[in-house]
């Protein structure tokens, strides 16, 4: 099962009110979800290769608060 199919199955199980809210959130994103996932995967690959320093949760929280 692909990621899209998995997401759709979970989405279908949500109450209608929540489905509408999820759709609204996806439409109003400044940076598309797939772009965010791509960036995250690239960061992980760089960390695994050793070309990017590994970060801990404190660094991540600090970065998120600054954005």
N, C-alpha and C. Protein backbone atom coordinates (compact mmCIF):
# COMPACT_ATOMS: atom_id res chain seq x y z
N UNK A 1 0.85 -1.18 0.00
CA UNK A 1 0.00 0.00 0.00
C UNK A 1 0.90 1.24 0.00
N UNK A 2 0.58 2.19 -0.86
CA UNK A 2 1.39 3.40 -0.94
C UNK A 2 1.05 4.34 0.22
N UNK A 3 1.88 5.35 0.38
CA UNK A 3 1.66 6.33 1.43
C UNK A 3 0.35 7.06 1.22
N UNK A 4 0.07 7.39 -0.04
CA UNK A 4 -1.18 8.11 -0.34
C UNK A 4 -2.39 7.26 0.01
N UNK A 5 -2.33 5.97 -0.31
CA UNK A 5 -3.44 5.09 0.02
C UNK A 5 -3.62 4.97 1.53
N UNK A 6 -2.51 4.87 2.24
CA UNK A 6 -2.57 4.78 3.71
C UNK A 6 -3.20 6.04 4.29
N UNK A 7 -2.74 7.19 3.80
CA UNK A 7 -3.29 8.46 4.27
C UNK A 7 -4.79 8.53 3.99
N UNK A 8 -5.20 8.11 2.82
CA UNK A 8 -6.61 8.16 2.45
C UNK A 8 -7.44 7.26 3.36
N UNK A 9 -6.93 6.07 3.68
CA UNK A 9 -7.67 5.16 4.57
C UNK A 9 -7.86 5.78 5.95
N UNK A 10 -6.82 6.43 6.45
CA UNK A 10 -6.93 7.09 7.76
C UNK A 10 -7.90 8.27 7.65
N UNK A 11 -7.77 9.02 6.56
CA UNK A 11 -8.63 10.18 6.33
C UNK A 11 -10.10 9.78 6.29
N UNK A 12 -10.40 8.67 5.61
CA UNK A 12 -11.78 8.19 5.50
C UNK A 12 -12.38 7.87 6.86
N UNK A 13 -11.56 7.41 7.78
CA UNK A 13 -12.05 7.00 9.09
C UNK A 13 -12.35 8.19 10.01
N UNK A 14 -11.89 9.37 9.62
CA UNK A 14 -12.11 10.55 10.45
C UNK A 14 -13.55 11.03 10.34
N UNK A 15 -14.06 11.66 11.39
CA UNK A 15 -15.39 12.27 11.31
C UNK A 15 -15.40 13.38 10.25
N UNK A 16 -16.56 13.63 9.65
CA UNK A 16 -16.68 14.62 8.57
C UNK A 16 -16.13 15.99 8.97
N UNK A 17 -16.41 16.41 10.19
CA UNK A 17 -15.95 17.70 10.67
C UNK A 17 -14.42 17.78 10.64
N UNK A 18 -13.78 16.73 11.06
CA UNK A 18 -12.32 16.68 11.09
C UNK A 18 -11.76 16.60 9.67
N UNK A 19 -12.43 15.87 8.79
CA UNK A 19 -12.00 15.79 7.40
C UNK A 19 -11.97 17.17 6.76
N UNK A 20 -13.00 17.94 7.01
CA UNK A 20 -13.08 19.30 6.45
C UNK A 20 -11.94 20.15 6.99
N UNK A 21 -11.66 20.03 8.28
CA UNK A 21 -10.58 20.80 8.89
C UNK A 21 -9.22 20.40 8.31
N UNK A 22 -9.01 19.11 8.11
CA UNK A 22 -7.75 18.62 7.52
C UNK A 22 -7.59 19.18 6.10
N UNK A 23 -8.64 19.15 5.32
CA UNK A 23 -8.58 19.69 3.97
C UNK A 23 -8.28 21.19 3.99
N UNK A 24 -8.89 21.90 4.91
CA UNK A 24 -8.65 23.33 5.04
C UNK A 24 -7.18 23.60 5.38
N UNK A 25 -6.63 22.82 6.29
CA UNK A 25 -5.23 23.00 6.68
C UNK A 25 -4.29 22.71 5.51
N UNK A 26 -4.58 21.66 4.76
CA UNK A 26 -3.74 21.32 3.62
C UNK A 26 -3.78 22.40 2.54
N UNK A 27 -4.93 22.99 2.33
CA UNK A 27 -5.07 24.03 1.31
C UNK A 27 -4.39 25.34 1.71
N UNK A 28 -4.34 25.62 3.01
CA UNK A 28 -3.80 26.89 3.49
C UNK A 28 -2.32 26.84 3.85
N UNK A 29 -1.64 25.77 3.55
CA UNK A 29 -0.23 25.66 3.90
C UNK A 29 0.61 26.61 3.07
N UNK A 30 1.57 27.25 3.73
CA UNK A 30 2.49 28.13 3.02
C UNK A 30 3.51 27.31 2.24
N UNK A 31 4.01 26.26 2.86
CA UNK A 31 4.94 25.34 2.21
C UNK A 31 4.22 24.00 2.08
N UNK A 32 4.09 23.48 0.87
CA UNK A 32 3.37 22.21 0.67
C UNK A 32 3.94 21.07 1.53
N UNK A 33 3.06 20.21 1.95
CA UNK A 33 3.42 19.09 2.81
C UNK A 33 4.50 18.21 2.18
N UNK A 34 4.36 17.91 0.91
CA UNK A 34 5.35 17.06 0.25
C UNK A 34 6.73 17.70 0.24
N UNK A 35 6.80 19.01 0.11
CA UNK A 35 8.07 19.72 0.16
C UNK A 35 8.71 19.59 1.54
N UNK A 36 7.89 19.71 2.57
CA UNK A 36 8.39 19.57 3.94
C UNK A 36 8.92 18.15 4.18
N UNK A 37 8.20 17.15 3.70
CA UNK A 37 8.63 15.76 3.86
C UNK A 37 9.93 15.53 3.11
N UNK A 38 10.02 16.06 1.89
CA UNK A 38 11.25 15.94 1.10
C UNK A 38 12.44 16.53 1.82
N UNK A 39 12.28 17.72 2.36
CA UNK A 39 13.37 18.37 3.10
C UNK A 39 13.80 17.52 4.29
N UNK A 40 12.82 17.00 5.01
CA UNK A 40 13.14 16.16 6.17
C UNK A 40 13.92 14.92 5.78
N UNK A 41 13.51 14.27 4.69
CA UNK A 41 14.22 13.07 4.23
C UNK A 41 15.63 13.41 3.79
N UNK A 42 15.81 14.54 3.13
CA UNK A 42 17.15 14.96 2.71
C UNK A 42 18.03 15.22 3.93
N UNK A 43 17.48 15.86 4.96
CA UNK A 43 18.23 16.10 6.19
C UNK A 43 18.66 14.80 6.85
N UNK A 44 17.74 13.83 6.91
CA UNK A 44 18.05 12.53 7.53
C UNK A 44 19.16 11.82 6.75
N UNK A 45 19.07 11.84 5.41
CA UNK A 45 20.09 11.20 4.59
C UNK A 45 21.45 11.84 4.81
N UNK A 46 21.48 13.18 4.91
CA UNK A 46 22.75 13.87 5.15
C UNK A 46 23.32 13.50 6.50
N UNK A 47 22.46 13.38 7.50
CA UNK A 47 22.92 13.00 8.84
C UNK A 47 23.48 11.57 8.84
N UNK A 48 22.82 10.67 8.11
CA UNK A 48 23.28 9.29 8.03
C UNK A 48 24.61 9.19 7.30
N UNK A 49 24.80 10.04 6.28
CA UNK A 49 26.05 10.03 5.52
C UNK A 49 27.17 10.73 6.29
N UNK A 50 26.81 11.51 7.28
CA UNK A 50 27.81 12.24 8.06
C UNK A 50 28.15 13.60 7.48
N UNK A 51 27.42 14.06 6.46
CA UNK A 51 27.70 15.35 5.85
C UNK A 51 26.98 16.49 6.56
N UNK A 52 26.08 16.17 7.44
CA UNK A 52 25.34 17.17 8.21
C UNK A 52 25.40 16.77 9.68
N UNK A 53 25.60 17.76 10.56
CA UNK A 53 25.66 17.40 11.99
C UNK A 53 24.33 16.87 12.49
N UNK A 54 24.41 15.91 13.38
CA UNK A 54 23.19 15.36 13.97
C UNK A 54 22.64 16.35 14.97
N UNK A 55 21.31 16.43 15.05
CA UNK A 55 20.66 17.36 15.96
C UNK A 55 19.88 16.60 17.01
N UNK A 56 19.79 17.20 18.18
CA UNK A 56 18.96 16.60 19.21
C UNK A 56 17.64 17.36 19.28
N UNK A 57 16.77 16.96 20.15
CA UNK A 57 15.42 17.54 20.22
C UNK A 57 15.47 19.01 20.63
N UNK A 58 16.44 19.38 21.48
CA UNK A 58 16.54 20.78 21.90
C UNK A 58 16.84 21.69 20.71
N UNK A 59 17.74 21.23 19.83
CA UNK A 59 18.06 22.01 18.63
C UNK A 59 16.83 22.14 17.73
N UNK A 60 16.08 21.07 17.60
CA UNK A 60 14.88 21.08 16.76
C UNK A 60 13.84 22.06 17.30
N UNK A 61 13.60 22.02 18.60
CA UNK A 61 12.62 22.93 19.22
C UNK A 61 13.07 24.37 19.04
N UNK A 62 14.37 24.63 19.24
CA UNK A 62 14.90 25.97 19.09
C UNK A 62 14.70 26.47 17.65
N UNK A 63 14.95 25.60 16.68
CA UNK A 63 14.79 25.95 15.27
C UNK A 63 13.32 26.24 14.95
N UNK A 64 12.41 25.43 15.47
CA UNK A 64 10.99 25.62 15.20
C UNK A 64 10.48 26.93 15.81
N UNK A 65 10.99 27.30 16.95
CA UNK A 65 10.55 28.54 17.59
C UNK A 65 11.05 29.76 16.83
N UNK A 66 12.17 29.65 16.17
CA UNK A 66 12.74 30.78 15.43
C UNK A 66 12.06 31.00 14.09
N UNK A 67 11.39 29.99 13.54
CA UNK A 67 10.76 30.12 12.22
C UNK A 67 9.46 30.83 12.26
